[in-house]
Amino acid sequence: MKWGVAGALLLILVGGFVLQRMTSDERRIERTIELVATGSDPGYCDEKVTDAYLEHVVGARLPFADEICELAASQPAADEVDVGEVSVDGDRATARVTFTGGLLDGSEVLAGLVKTDGDWRVDRLSVARLNRARFRRAYERYLRSFASKGGLRCALSRERRLTDSEAGRFALEDGPDGMTGAAVACDRASVEGNIVEAFAASAVDRRGVRCARRTLASADDVRVLHVQLDPGAYGDLIATCDPGAILDQFAREVAAEEDGSQARAECVVARLRGLPPNEQFRLGYEDDRFEALLERCA
């Protein structure tokens, strides 16, 4: 009889421990989703989302997707979120999230998360219920901040032809079917102009700028989209039109650092010179490899 009482007490204690653990997981999941959806700290790009999320939502390859995510962190997807219906199954979880503000104002999003090294990370998002009227108003406000009249009419017309499911993906993901794709389709001249302007403001020489303008003018929409969206494709264009500009940029940045020097900059350039230009460009986004290079040239 005493053993039975003790056994019952043990079950209560174990049950309480499991409940406490689940509740703790749910709180951490809620906090993770809040940081990803509403936070302005770019640290979440490294700590609170998976690589699959970055490539899927940002629309660029690694390691460039991480850089884009960090830049986008200054414009959160929502003002606030309400996280509910959290379901945990081992190292995977789902949660239903209601957005307030942003393109998905009033919409419900299903978030999938995975636990990695004890931390919950957002792995995927999908729209469960789209508030189409609020999405359309928010999208029009966004367009009016930069689009030409013709581009505005074109983009709104394309949006009206989307189903709710397509519009939900449009709001969550960039790429051919996202906002950058719509910008290329509706106002390609402005997109090309932005790219060429970025070239002219960098270390690319005038011949390189002219080369970029010719290359973009003869490219199809998909190529222009990739150059606008993916730093890797932008770097490929620099590598084609003015490969020396990449090494020049590295030399200036290293020499300008607090512990930089002309000798250190020359060392970095010498070590990079044997790499293809597109690999040189990529190295600038791989922090660990670049820091190791700087240490070898200290």
C-alpha atoms as a PDB file:
ATOM      1  CA  MET A   1       0.000   0.000   0.000  1.00  0.00           C
ATOM      2  CA  LYS A   2       2.772   2.401   0.873  1.00  0.00           C
ATOM      3  CA  TRP A   3       4.506   1.529  -2.393  1.00  0.00           C
ATOM      4  CA  GLY A   4       1.280   2.373  -4.238  1.00  0.00           C
ATOM      5  CA  VAL A   5       1.131   5.792  -2.593  1.00  0.00           C
ATOM      6  CA  ALA A   6       4.777   6.410  -3.393  1.00  0.00           C
ATOM      7  CA  GLY A   7       4.243   5.237  -6.976  1.00  0.00           C
ATOM      8  CA  ALA A   8       1.278   7.561  -7.397  1.00  0.00           C
ATOM      9  CA  LEU A   9       3.332  10.439  -5.999  1.00  0.00           C
ATOM     10  CA  LEU A  10       6.140   9.618  -8.418  1.00  0.00           C
ATOM     11  CA  LEU A  11       3.738   9.649 -11.352  1.00  0.00           C
ATOM     12  CA  ILE A  12       2.403  13.039 -10.282  1.00  0.00           C
ATOM     13  CA  LEU A  13       5.943  14.438 -10.023  1.00  0.00           C
ATOM     14  CA  VAL A  14       6.996  13.018 -13.399  1.00  0.00           C
ATOM     15  CA  GLY A  15       3.784  14.248 -14.990  1.00  0.00           C
ATOM     16  CA  GLY A  16       4.369  17.684 -13.551  1.00  0.00           C
ATOM     17  CA  PHE A  17       7.920  17.696 -14.920  1.00  0.00           C
ATOM     18  CA  VAL A  18       6.723  16.799 -18.425  1.00  0.00           C
ATOM     19  CA  LEU A  19       4.028  19.481 -18.293  1.00  0.00           C
ATOM     20  CA  GLN A  20       6.558  22.029 -17.125  1.00  0.00           C
ATOM     21  CA  ARG A  21       8.949  21.079 -19.919  1.00  0.00           C
ATOM     22  CA  MET A  22       6.233  21.352 -22.555  1.00  0.00           C
ATOM     23  CA  THR A  23       5.109  24.687 -21.196  1.00  0.00           C
ATOM     24  CA  SER A  24       8.699  25.903 -21.301  1.00  0.00           C
ATOM     25  CA  ASP A  25       9.004  24.743 -24.930  1.00  0.00           C
ATOM     26  CA  GLU A  26       5.792  26.534 -25.836  1.00  0.00           C
ATOM     27  CA  ARG A  27       7.034  29.772 -24.274  1.00  0.00           C
ATOM     28  CA  ARG A  28      10.338  29.511 -26.141  1.00  0.00           C
ATOM     29  CA  ILE A  29       8.534  28.771 -29.400  1.00  0.00           C
ATOM     30  CA  GLU A  30       6.292  31.791 -28.904  1.00  0.00           C
ATOM     31  CA  ARG A  31       9.296  34.013 -28.196  1.00  0.00           C
ATOM     32  CA  THR A  32      11.151  32.692 -31.256  1.00  0.00           C
ATOM     33  CA  ILE A  33       8.226  33.449 -33.554  1.00  0.00           C
ATOM     34  CA  GLU A  34       7.842  36.920 -32.078  1.00  0.00           C
ATOM     35  CA  LEU A  35      11.533  37.698 -32.661  1.00  0.00           C
ATOM     36  CA  VAL A  36      11.412  36.504 -36.274  1.00  0.00           C
ATOM     37  CA  ALA A  37       8.147  38.279 -37.154  1.00  0.00           C
ATOM     38  CA  THR A  38       8.448  41.529 -35.191  1.00  0.00           C
ATOM     39  CA  GLY A  39      12.060  41.916 -34.048  1.00  0.00           C
ATOM     40  CA  SER A  40      14.520  44.360 -35.558  1.00  0.00           C
ATOM     41  CA  ASP A  41      17.657  42.634 -34.230  1.00  0.00           C
ATOM     42  CA  PRO A  42      19.382  40.998 -37.245  1.00  0.00           C
ATOM     43  CA  GLY A  43      20.833  38.395 -34.878  1.00  0.00           C
ATOM     44  CA  TYR A  44      17.733  36.281 -35.392  1.00  0.00           C
ATOM     45  CA  CYS A  45      18.959  35.456 -38.915  1.00  0.00           C
ATOM     46  CA  ASP A  46      21.757  33.369 -37.386  1.00  0.00           C
ATOM     47  CA  GLU A  47      20.038  32.144 -34.245  1.00  0.00           C
ATOM     48  CA  LYS A  48      16.274  31.798 -34.754  1.00  0.00           C
ATOM     49  CA  VAL A  49      15.710  30.496 -38.305  1.00  0.00           C
ATOM     50  CA  THR A  50      17.018  27.554 -40.329  1.00  0.00           C
ATOM     51  CA  ASP A  51      19.001  27.740 -43.562  1.00  0.00           C
ATOM     52  CA  ALA A  52      15.979  26.294 -45.363  1.00  0.00           C
ATOM     53  CA  TYR A  53      13.848  29.178 -44.084  1.00  0.00           C
ATOM     54  CA  LEU A  54      16.400  31.740 -45.263  1.00  0.00           C
ATOM     55  CA  GLU A  55      16.646  30.389 -48.791  1.00  0.00           C
ATOM     56  CA  HIS A  56      12.895  29.802 -49.086  1.00  0.00           C
ATOM     57  CA  VAL A  57      11.623  33.114 -47.715  1.00  0.00           C
ATOM     58  CA  VAL A  58      14.476  35.422 -48.759  1.00  0.00           C
ATOM     59  CA  GLY A  59      14.796  33.894 -52.217  1.00  0.00           C
ATOM     60  CA  ALA A  60      18.609  33.909 -52.366  1.00  0.00           C
ATOM     61  CA  ARG A  61      21.339  31.314 -51.971  1.00  0.00           C
ATOM     62  CA  LEU A  62      23.503  30.875 -48.909  1.00  0.00           C
ATOM     63  CA  PRO A  63      25.630  32.577 -47.700  1.00  0.00           C
ATOM     64  CA  PHE A  64      23.988  35.596 -49.347  1.00  0.00           C
ATOM     65  CA  ALA A  65      20.522  34.855 -47.923  1.00  0.00           C
ATOM     66  CA  ASP A  66      21.792  35.554 -44.418  1.00  0.00           C
ATOM     67  CA  GLU A  67      23.012  39.009 -45.466  1.00  0.00           C
ATOM     68  CA  ILE A  68      19.656  39.867 -47.046  1.00  0.00           C
ATOM     69  CA  CYS A  69      17.839  38.667 -43.943  1.00  0.00           C
ATOM     70  CA  GLU A  70      19.950  40.950 -41.761  1.00  0.00           C
ATOM     71  CA  LEU A  71      19.210  43.949 -43.993  1.00  0.00           C
ATOM     72  CA  ALA A  72      15.486  43.149 -43.997  1.00  0.00           C
ATOM     73  CA  ALA A  73      15.415  42.940 -40.182  1.00  0.00           C
ATOM     74  CA  SER A  74      15.083  46.729 -40.023  1.00  0.00           C
ATOM     75  CA  GLN A  75      11.579  46.328 -41.516  1.00  0.00           C
ATOM     76  CA  PRO A  76       9.771  43.669 -39.451  1.00  0.00           C
ATOM     77  CA  ALA A  77       7.044  41.610 -41.130  1.00  0.00           C
ATOM     78  CA  ALA A  78       4.466  42.539 -38.461  1.00  0.00           C
ATOM     79  CA  ASP A  79       3.872  45.037 -35.677  1.00  0.00           C
ATOM     80  CA  GLU A  80       2.853  42.206 -33.355  1.00  0.00           C
ATOM     81  CA  VAL A  81       1.781  38.572 -33.488  1.00  0.00           C
ATOM     82  CA  ASP A  82      -0.540  36.370 -31.487  1.00  0.00           C
ATOM     83  CA  VAL A  83       0.866  32.842 -31.198  1.00  0.00           C
ATOM     84  CA  GLY A  84      -1.587  30.041 -30.442  1.00  0.00           C
ATOM     85  CA  GLU A  85      -2.258  26.337 -30.951  1.00  0.00           C
ATOM     86  CA  VAL A  86       1.352  25.354 -30.321  1.00  0.00           C
ATOM     87  CA  SER A  87       1.911  21.634 -30.891  1.00  0.00           C
ATOM     88  CA  VAL A  88       5.233  20.005 -29.959  1.00  0.00           C
ATOM     89  CA  ASP A  89       6.279  16.588 -31.251  1.00  0.00           C
ATOM     90  CA  GLY A  90       9.839  15.809 -30.205  1.00  0.00           C
ATOM     91  CA  ASP A  91      12.192  18.154 -32.033  1.00  0.00           C
ATOM     92  CA  ARG A  92       9.463  19.538 -34.301  1.00  0.00           C
ATOM     93  CA  ALA A  93       6.613  21.907 -33.585  1.00  0.00           C
ATOM     94  CA  THR A  94       3.881  23.888 -35.278  1.00  0.00           C
ATOM     95  CA  ALA A  95       2.060  27.028 -34.212  1.00  0.00           C
ATOM     96  CA  ARG A  96      -0.780  29.102 -35.608  1.00  0.00           C
ATOM     97  CA  VAL A  97       0.139  32.786 -35.728  1.00  0.00           C
ATOM     98  CA  THR A  98      -2.108  35.812 -36.285  1.00  0.00           C
ATOM     99  CA  PHE A  99      -0.340  38.877 -37.693  1.00  0.00           C
ATOM    100  CA  THR A 100      -1.111  42.505 -36.882  1.00  0.00           C
ATOM    101  CA  GLY A 101       0.401  44.997 -39.308  1.00  0.00           C
ATOM    102  CA  GLY A 102       2.456  44.403 -42.442  1.00  0.00           C
ATOM    103  CA  LEU A 103       1.347  42.661 -45.625  1.00  0.00           C
ATOM    104  CA  LEU A 104      -0.266  39.861 -43.606  1.00  0.00           C
ATOM    105  CA  ASP A 105      -2.283  42.105 -41.300  1.00  0.00           C
ATOM    106  CA  GLY A 106      -5.220  40.105 -39.963  1.00  0.00           C
ATOM    107  CA  SER A 107      -4.038  36.867 -41.582  1.00  0.00           C
ATOM    108  CA  GLU A 108      -3.216  33.540 -39.948  1.00  0.00           C
ATOM    109  CA  VAL A 109       0.110  31.864 -40.667  1.00  0.00           C
ATOM    110  CA  LEU A 110       1.145  28.313 -39.853  1.00  0.00           C
ATOM    111  CA  ALA A 111       4.735  28.219 -38.576  1.00  0.00           C
ATOM    112  CA  GLY A 112       6.837  25.060 -38.554  1.00  0.00           C
ATOM    113  CA  LEU A 113       9.812  24.925 -36.199  1.00  0.00           C
ATOM    114  CA  VAL A 114      12.664  22.539 -35.482  1.00  0.00           C
ATOM    115  CA  LYS A 115      14.831  22.218 -32.385  1.00  0.00           C
ATOM    116  CA  THR A 116      18.555  22.395 -33.110  1.00  0.00           C
ATOM    117  CA  ASP A 117      21.116  22.089 -30.302  1.00  0.00           C
ATOM    118  CA  GLY A 118      18.372  22.808 -27.798  1.00  0.00           C
ATOM    119  CA  ASP A 119      17.121  25.987 -29.521  1.00  0.00           C
ATOM    120  CA  TRP A 120      13.888  26.361 -31.484  1.00  0.00           C
ATOM    121  CA  ARG A 121      14.204  27.767 -35.002  1.00  0.00           C
ATOM    122  CA  VAL A 122      11.550  28.738 -37.517  1.00  0.00           C
ATOM    123  CA  ASP A 123      11.874  26.387 -40.493  1.00  0.00           C
ATOM    124  CA  ARG A 124       8.903  27.254 -42.686  1.00  0.00           C
ATOM    125  CA  LEU A 125       5.859  29.507 -42.921  1.00  0.00           C
ATOM    126  CA  SER A 126       2.631  29.069 -44.855  1.00  0.00           C
ATOM    127  CA  VAL A 127      -0.509  31.186 -44.930  1.00  0.00           C
ATOM    128  CA  ALA A 128      -3.466  29.327 -43.406  1.00  0.00           C
ATOM    129  CA  ARG A 129      -6.002  32.149 -43.852  1.00  0.00           C
ATOM    130  CA  LEU A 130      -5.318  35.326 -45.819  1.00  0.00           C
ATOM    131  CA  ASN A 131      -7.127  38.576 -45.062  1.00  0.00           C
ATOM    132  CA  ARG A 132      -7.155  39.584 -48.716  1.00  0.00           C
ATOM    133  CA  ALA A 133      -8.633  43.064 -48.250  1.00  0.00           C
ATOM    134  CA  ARG A 134      -5.976  44.116 -45.715  1.00  0.00           C
ATOM    135  CA  PHE A 135      -3.213  42.481 -47.778  1.00  0.00           C
ATOM    136  CA  ARG A 136      -4.308  44.421 -50.871  1.00  0.00           C
ATOM    137  CA  ARG A 137      -4.366  47.746 -49.006  1.00  0.00           C
ATOM    138  CA  ALA A 138      -0.924  47.132 -47.494  1.00  0.00           C
ATOM    139  CA  TYR A 139       0.517  46.067 -50.839  1.00  0.00           C
ATOM    140  CA  GLU A 140      -0.808  49.179 -52.552  1.00  0.00           C
ATOM    141  CA  ARG A 141       0.701  51.406 -49.847  1.00  0.00           C
ATOM    142  CA  TYR A 142       4.020  49.618 -50.318  1.00  0.00           C
ATOM    143  CA  LEU A 143       3.925  50.106 -54.099  1.00  0.00           C
ATOM    144  CA  ARG A 144       3.026  53.791 -53.890  1.00  0.00           C
ATOM    145  CA  SER A 145       6.223  54.453 -51.954  1.00  0.00           C
ATOM    146  CA  PHE A 146       8.388  53.826 -55.040  1.00  0.00           C
ATOM    147  CA  ALA A 147       6.541  52.518 -58.128  1.00  0.00           C
ATOM    148  CA  SER A 148       5.780  54.532 -61.234  1.00  0.00           C
ATOM    149  CA  LYS A 149       2.119  55.006 -62.190  1.00  0.00           C
ATOM    150  CA  GLY A 150       2.407  52.371 -64.896  1.00  0.00           C
ATOM    151  CA  GLY A 151       4.234  49.989 -62.589  1.00  0.00           C
ATOM    152  CA  LEU A 152       1.607  50.516 -59.883  1.00  0.00           C
ATOM    153  CA  ARG A 153      -1.267  49.719 -62.241  1.00  0.00           C
ATOM    154  CA  CYS A 154       0.528  46.646 -63.583  1.00  0.00           C
ATOM    155  CA  ALA A 155       1.400  45.273 -60.144  1.00  0.00           C
ATOM    156  CA  LEU A 156      -2.114  45.777 -58.767  1.00  0.00           C
ATOM    157  CA  SER A 157      -3.588  44.132 -61.846  1.00  0.00           C
ATOM    158  CA  ARG A 158      -1.304  41.125 -61.374  1.00  0.00           C
ATOM    159  CA  GLU A 159      -2.267  40.901 -57.704  1.00  0.00           C
ATOM    160  CA  ARG A 160      -5.983  40.829 -58.531  1.00  0.00           C
ATOM    161  CA  ARG A 161      -5.432  37.789 -60.742  1.00  0.00           C
ATOM    162  CA  LEU A 162      -3.847  35.782 -57.905  1.00  0.00           C
ATOM    163  CA  THR A 163      -5.830  33.264 -55.907  1.00  0.00           C
ATOM    164  CA  ASP A 164      -5.745  33.663 -52.116  1.00  0.00           C
ATOM    165  CA  SER A 165      -3.270  30.777 -51.926  1.00  0.00           C
ATOM    166  CA  GLU A 166      -0.984  32.408 -54.502  1.00  0.00           C
ATOM    167  CA  ALA A 167      -1.301  35.799 -52.793  1.00  0.00           C
ATOM    168  CA  GLY A 168      -0.318  34.207 -49.485  1.00  0.00           C
ATOM    169  CA  ARG A 169       2.864  32.781 -50.996  1.00  0.00           C
ATOM    170  CA  PHE A 170       3.472  36.132 -52.695  1.00  0.00           C
ATOM    171  CA  ALA A 171       3.378  37.878 -49.314  1.00  0.00           C
ATOM    172  CA  LEU A 172       5.704  35.378 -47.613  1.00  0.00           C
ATOM    173  CA  GLU A 173       8.268  34.509 -50.261  1.00  0.00           C
ATOM    174  CA  ASP A 174      10.392  36.451 -52.675  1.00  0.00           C
ATOM    175  CA  GLY A 175      11.483  35.142 -56.044  1.00  0.00           C
ATOM    176  CA  PRO A 176       9.790  34.804 -59.441  1.00  0.00           C
ATOM    177  CA  ASP A 177       6.312  34.808 -57.871  1.00  0.00           C
ATOM    178  CA  GLY A 178       7.064  37.377 -55.175  1.00  0.00           C
ATOM    179  CA  MET A 179       7.333  41.142 -55.053  1.00  0.00           C
ATOM    180  CA  THR A 180      10.710  41.321 -56.771  1.00  0.00           C
ATOM    181  CA  GLY A 181       9.344  39.202 -59.618  1.00  0.00           C
ATOM    182  CA  ALA A 182       6.371  41.554 -59.927  1.00  0.00           C
ATOM    183  CA  ALA A 183       8.701  44.561 -59.985  1.00  0.00           C
ATOM    184  CA  VAL A 184      10.745  43.081 -62.845  1.00  0.00           C
ATOM    185  CA  ALA A 185       7.629  42.167 -64.814  1.00  0.00           C
ATOM    186  CA  CYS A 186       5.929  45.547 -64.300  1.00  0.00           C
ATOM    187  CA  ASP A 187       8.757  48.077 -64.200  1.00  0.00           C
ATOM    188  CA  ARG A 188      11.837  46.396 -65.568  1.00  0.00           C
ATOM    189  CA  ALA A 189      13.475  49.652 -66.653  1.00  0.00           C
ATOM    190  CA  SER A 190      13.516  50.900 -63.052  1.00  0.00           C
ATOM    191  CA  VAL A 191      14.958  47.613 -61.795  1.00  0.00           C
ATOM    192  CA  GLU A 192      17.724  47.688 -64.401  1.00  0.00           C
ATOM    193  CA  GLY A 193      18.393  51.318 -63.501  1.00  0.00           C
ATOM    194  CA  ASN A 194      18.749  50.431 -59.811  1.00  0.00           C
ATOM    195  CA  ILE A 195      21.265  47.717 -60.600  1.00  0.00           C
ATOM    196  CA  VAL A 196      23.337  49.936 -62.888  1.00  0.00           C
ATOM    197  CA  GLU A 197      23.230  52.729 -60.293  1.00  0.00           C
ATOM    198  CA  ALA A 198      24.611  50.321 -57.694  1.00  0.00           C
ATOM    199  CA  PHE A 199      27.408  49.411 -60.104  1.00  0.00           C
ATOM    200  CA  ALA A 200      28.253  53.066 -60.708  1.00  0.00           C
ATOM    201  CA  ALA A 201      28.404  53.740 -56.942  1.00  0.00           C
ATOM    202  CA  SER A 202      30.860  50.894 -56.351  1.00  0.00           C
ATOM    203  CA  ALA A 203      34.429  50.340 -57.457  1.00  0.00           C
ATOM    204  CA  VAL A 204      33.349  49.214 -60.947  1.00  0.00           C
ATOM    205  CA  ASP A 205      34.935  51.306 -63.704  1.00  0.00           C
ATOM    206  CA  ARG A 206      32.974  53.003 -66.494  1.00  0.00           C
ATOM    207  CA  ARG A 207      33.540  50.168 -68.930  1.00  0.00           C
ATOM    208  CA  GLY A 208      32.178  47.776 -66.326  1.00  0.00           C
ATOM    209  CA  VAL A 209      29.076  49.936 -65.878  1.00  0.00           C
ATOM    210  CA  ARG A 210      28.493  49.999 -69.635  1.00  0.00           C
ATOM    211  CA  CYS A 211      28.984  46.239 -69.747  1.00  0.00           C
ATOM    212  CA  ALA A 212      26.407  45.761 -66.984  1.00  0.00           C
ATOM    213  CA  ARG A 213      23.914  47.963 -68.808  1.00  0.00           C
ATOM    214  CA  ARG A 214      24.343  45.989 -72.049  1.00  0.00           C
ATOM    215  CA  THR A 215      24.200  42.631 -70.261  1.00  0.00           C
ATOM    216  CA  LEU A 216      20.990  43.497 -68.436  1.00  0.00           C
ATOM    217  CA  ALA A 217      19.339  44.934 -71.544  1.00  0.00           C
ATOM    218  CA  SER A 218      19.918  41.675 -73.431  1.00  0.00           C
ATOM    219  CA  ALA A 219      18.980  39.368 -70.525  1.00  0.00           C
ATOM    220  CA  ASP A 220      15.578  37.800 -69.966  1.00  0.00           C
ATOM    221  CA  ASP A 221      13.402  38.687 -66.972  1.00  0.00           C
ATOM    222  CA  VAL A 222      14.617  35.693 -64.952  1.00  0.00           C
ATOM    223  CA  ARG A 223      18.263  36.777 -65.204  1.00  0.00           C
ATOM    224  CA  VAL A 224      17.412  40.361 -64.245  1.00  0.00           C
ATOM    225  CA  LEU A 225      15.348  39.041 -61.336  1.00  0.00           C
ATOM    226  CA  HIS A 226      18.271  36.975 -60.036  1.00  0.00           C
ATOM    227  CA  VAL A 227      20.688  39.899 -60.271  1.00  0.00           C
ATOM    228  CA  GLN A 228      18.277  42.139 -58.350  1.00  0.00           C
ATOM    229  CA  LEU A 229      17.399  39.540 -55.742  1.00  0.00           C
ATOM    230  CA  ASP A 230      20.520  37.444 -55.170  1.00  0.00           C
ATOM    231  CA  PRO A 231      23.890  39.009 -54.248  1.00  0.00           C
ATOM    232  CA  GLY A 232      25.533  35.907 -55.737  1.00  0.00           C
ATOM    233  CA  ALA A 233      24.091  36.708 -59.172  1.00  0.00           C
ATOM    234  CA  TYR A 234      25.028  40.368 -58.703  1.00  0.00           C
ATOM    235  CA  GLY A 235      28.580  39.275 -57.892  1.00  0.00           C
ATOM    236  CA  ASP A 236      28.635  37.113 -61.020  1.00  0.00           C
ATOM    237  CA  LEU A 237      27.772  40.199 -63.070  1.00  0.00           C
ATOM    238  CA  ILE A 238      30.620  42.156 -61.444  1.00  0.00           C
ATOM    239  CA  ALA A 239      32.955  39.226 -62.090  1.00  0.00           C
ATOM    240  CA  THR A 240      31.980  39.302 -65.763  1.00  0.00           C
ATOM    241  CA  CYS A 241      32.081  43.051 -66.325  1.00  0.00           C
ATOM    242  CA  ASP A 242      34.916  44.193 -64.047  1.00  0.00           C
ATOM    243  CA  PRO A 243      36.579  41.315 -62.134  1.00  0.00           C
ATOM    244  CA  GLY A 244      39.317  43.573 -60.771  1.00  0.00           C
ATOM    245  CA  ALA A 245      36.742  45.626 -58.850  1.00  0.00           C
ATOM    246  CA  ILE A 246      36.235  42.834 -56.338  1.00  0.00           C
ATOM    247  CA  LEU A 247      39.878  42.744 -55.275  1.00  0.00           C
ATOM    248  CA  ASP A 248      39.992  46.549 -55.206  1.00  0.00           C
ATOM    249  CA  GLN A 249      37.034  46.596 -52.834  1.00  0.00           C
ATOM    250  CA  PHE A 250      38.667  44.033 -50.530  1.00  0.00           C
ATOM    251  CA  ALA A 251      41.886  46.065 -50.476  1.00  0.00           C
ATOM    252  CA  ARG A 252      40.088  49.274 -49.486  1.00  0.00           C
ATOM    253  CA  GLU A 253      37.990  47.607 -46.782  1.00  0.00           C
ATOM    254  CA  VAL A 254      40.939  45.810 -45.170  1.00  0.00           C
ATOM    255  CA  ALA A 255      43.141  48.918 -45.233  1.00  0.00           C
ATOM    256  CA  ALA A 256      40.331  50.984 -43.656  1.00  0.00           C
ATOM    257  CA  GLU A 257      39.896  48.640 -40.669  1.00  0.00           C
ATOM    258  CA  GLU A 258      41.162  49.764 -37.275  1.00  0.00           C
ATOM    259  CA  ASP A 259      43.997  47.233 -37.330  1.00  0.00           C
ATOM    260  CA  GLY A 260      44.380  47.372 -41.089  1.00  0.00           C
ATOM    261  CA  SER A 261      47.430  48.397 -43.075  1.00  0.00           C
ATOM    262  CA  GLN A 262      48.501  48.569 -46.679  1.00  0.00           C
ATOM    263  CA  ALA A 263      50.692  45.502 -46.169  1.00  0.00           C
ATOM    264  CA  ARG A 264      47.784  43.524 -44.738  1.00  0.00           C
ATOM    265  CA  ALA A 265      45.528  44.595 -47.597  1.00  0.00           C
ATOM    266  CA  GLU A 266      48.158  43.500 -50.125  1.00  0.00           C
ATOM    267  CA  CYS A 267      48.473  40.137 -48.349  1.00  0.00           C
ATOM    268  CA  VAL A 268      44.698  39.554 -48.531  1.00  0.00           C
ATOM    269  CA  VAL A 269      44.588  40.502 -52.217  1.00  0.00           C
ATOM    270  CA  ALA A 270      47.535  38.224 -52.999  1.00  0.00           C
ATOM    271  CA  ARG A 271      45.809  35.260 -51.322  1.00  0.00           C
ATOM    272  CA  LEU A 272      42.538  35.976 -53.107  1.00  0.00           C
ATOM    273  CA  ARG A 273      44.046  36.516 -56.531  1.00  0.00           C
ATOM    274  CA  GLY A 274      44.189  32.806 -57.319  1.00  0.00           C
ATOM    275  CA  LEU A 275      40.450  32.359 -56.822  1.00  0.00           C
ATOM    276  CA  PRO A 276      37.884  32.879 -59.605  1.00  0.00           C
ATOM    277  CA  PRO A 277      36.218  36.306 -59.249  1.00  0.00           C
ATOM    278  CA  ASN A 278      32.839  34.852 -58.260  1.00  0.00           C
ATOM    279  CA  GLU A 279      34.553  32.879 -55.449  1.00  0.00           C
ATOM    280  CA  GLN A 280      36.345  36.035 -54.324  1.00  0.00           C
ATOM    281  CA  PHE A 281      32.979  37.787 -54.079  1.00  0.00           C
ATOM    282  CA  ARG A 282      31.416  34.895 -52.170  1.00  0.00           C
ATOM    283  CA  LEU A 283      34.221  34.912 -49.600  1.00  0.00           C
ATOM    284  CA  GLY A 284      33.176  38.407 -48.548  1.00  0.00           C
ATOM    285  CA  TYR A 285      29.920  36.905 -47.225  1.00  0.00           C
ATOM    286  CA  GLU A 286      31.515  33.942 -45.428  1.00  0.00           C
ATOM    287  CA  ASP A 287      32.560  35.560 -42.173  1.00  0.00           C
ATOM    288  CA  ASP A 288      34.461  32.622 -40.678  1.00  0.00           C
ATOM    289  CA  ARG A 289      36.581  32.049 -43.784  1.00  0.00           C
ATOM    290  CA  PHE A 290      37.274  35.743 -44.214  1.00  0.00           C
ATOM    291  CA  GLU A 291      38.277  36.178 -40.555  1.00  0.00           C
ATOM    292  CA  ALA A 292      40.660  33.226 -40.936  1.00  0.00           C
ATOM    293  CA  LEU A 293      42.180  34.942 -43.963  1.00  0.00           C
ATOM    294  CA  LEU A 294      42.638  38.166 -42.036  1.00  0.00           C
ATOM    295  CA  GLU A 295      44.384  36.289 -39.221  1.00  0.00           C
ATOM    296  CA  ARG A 296      46.815  34.693 -41.682  1.00  0.00           C
ATOM    297  CA  CYS A 297      47.648  38.171 -42.960  1.00  0.00           C
ATOM    298  CA  ALA A 298      48.011  39.785 -39.518  1.00  0.00           C
END
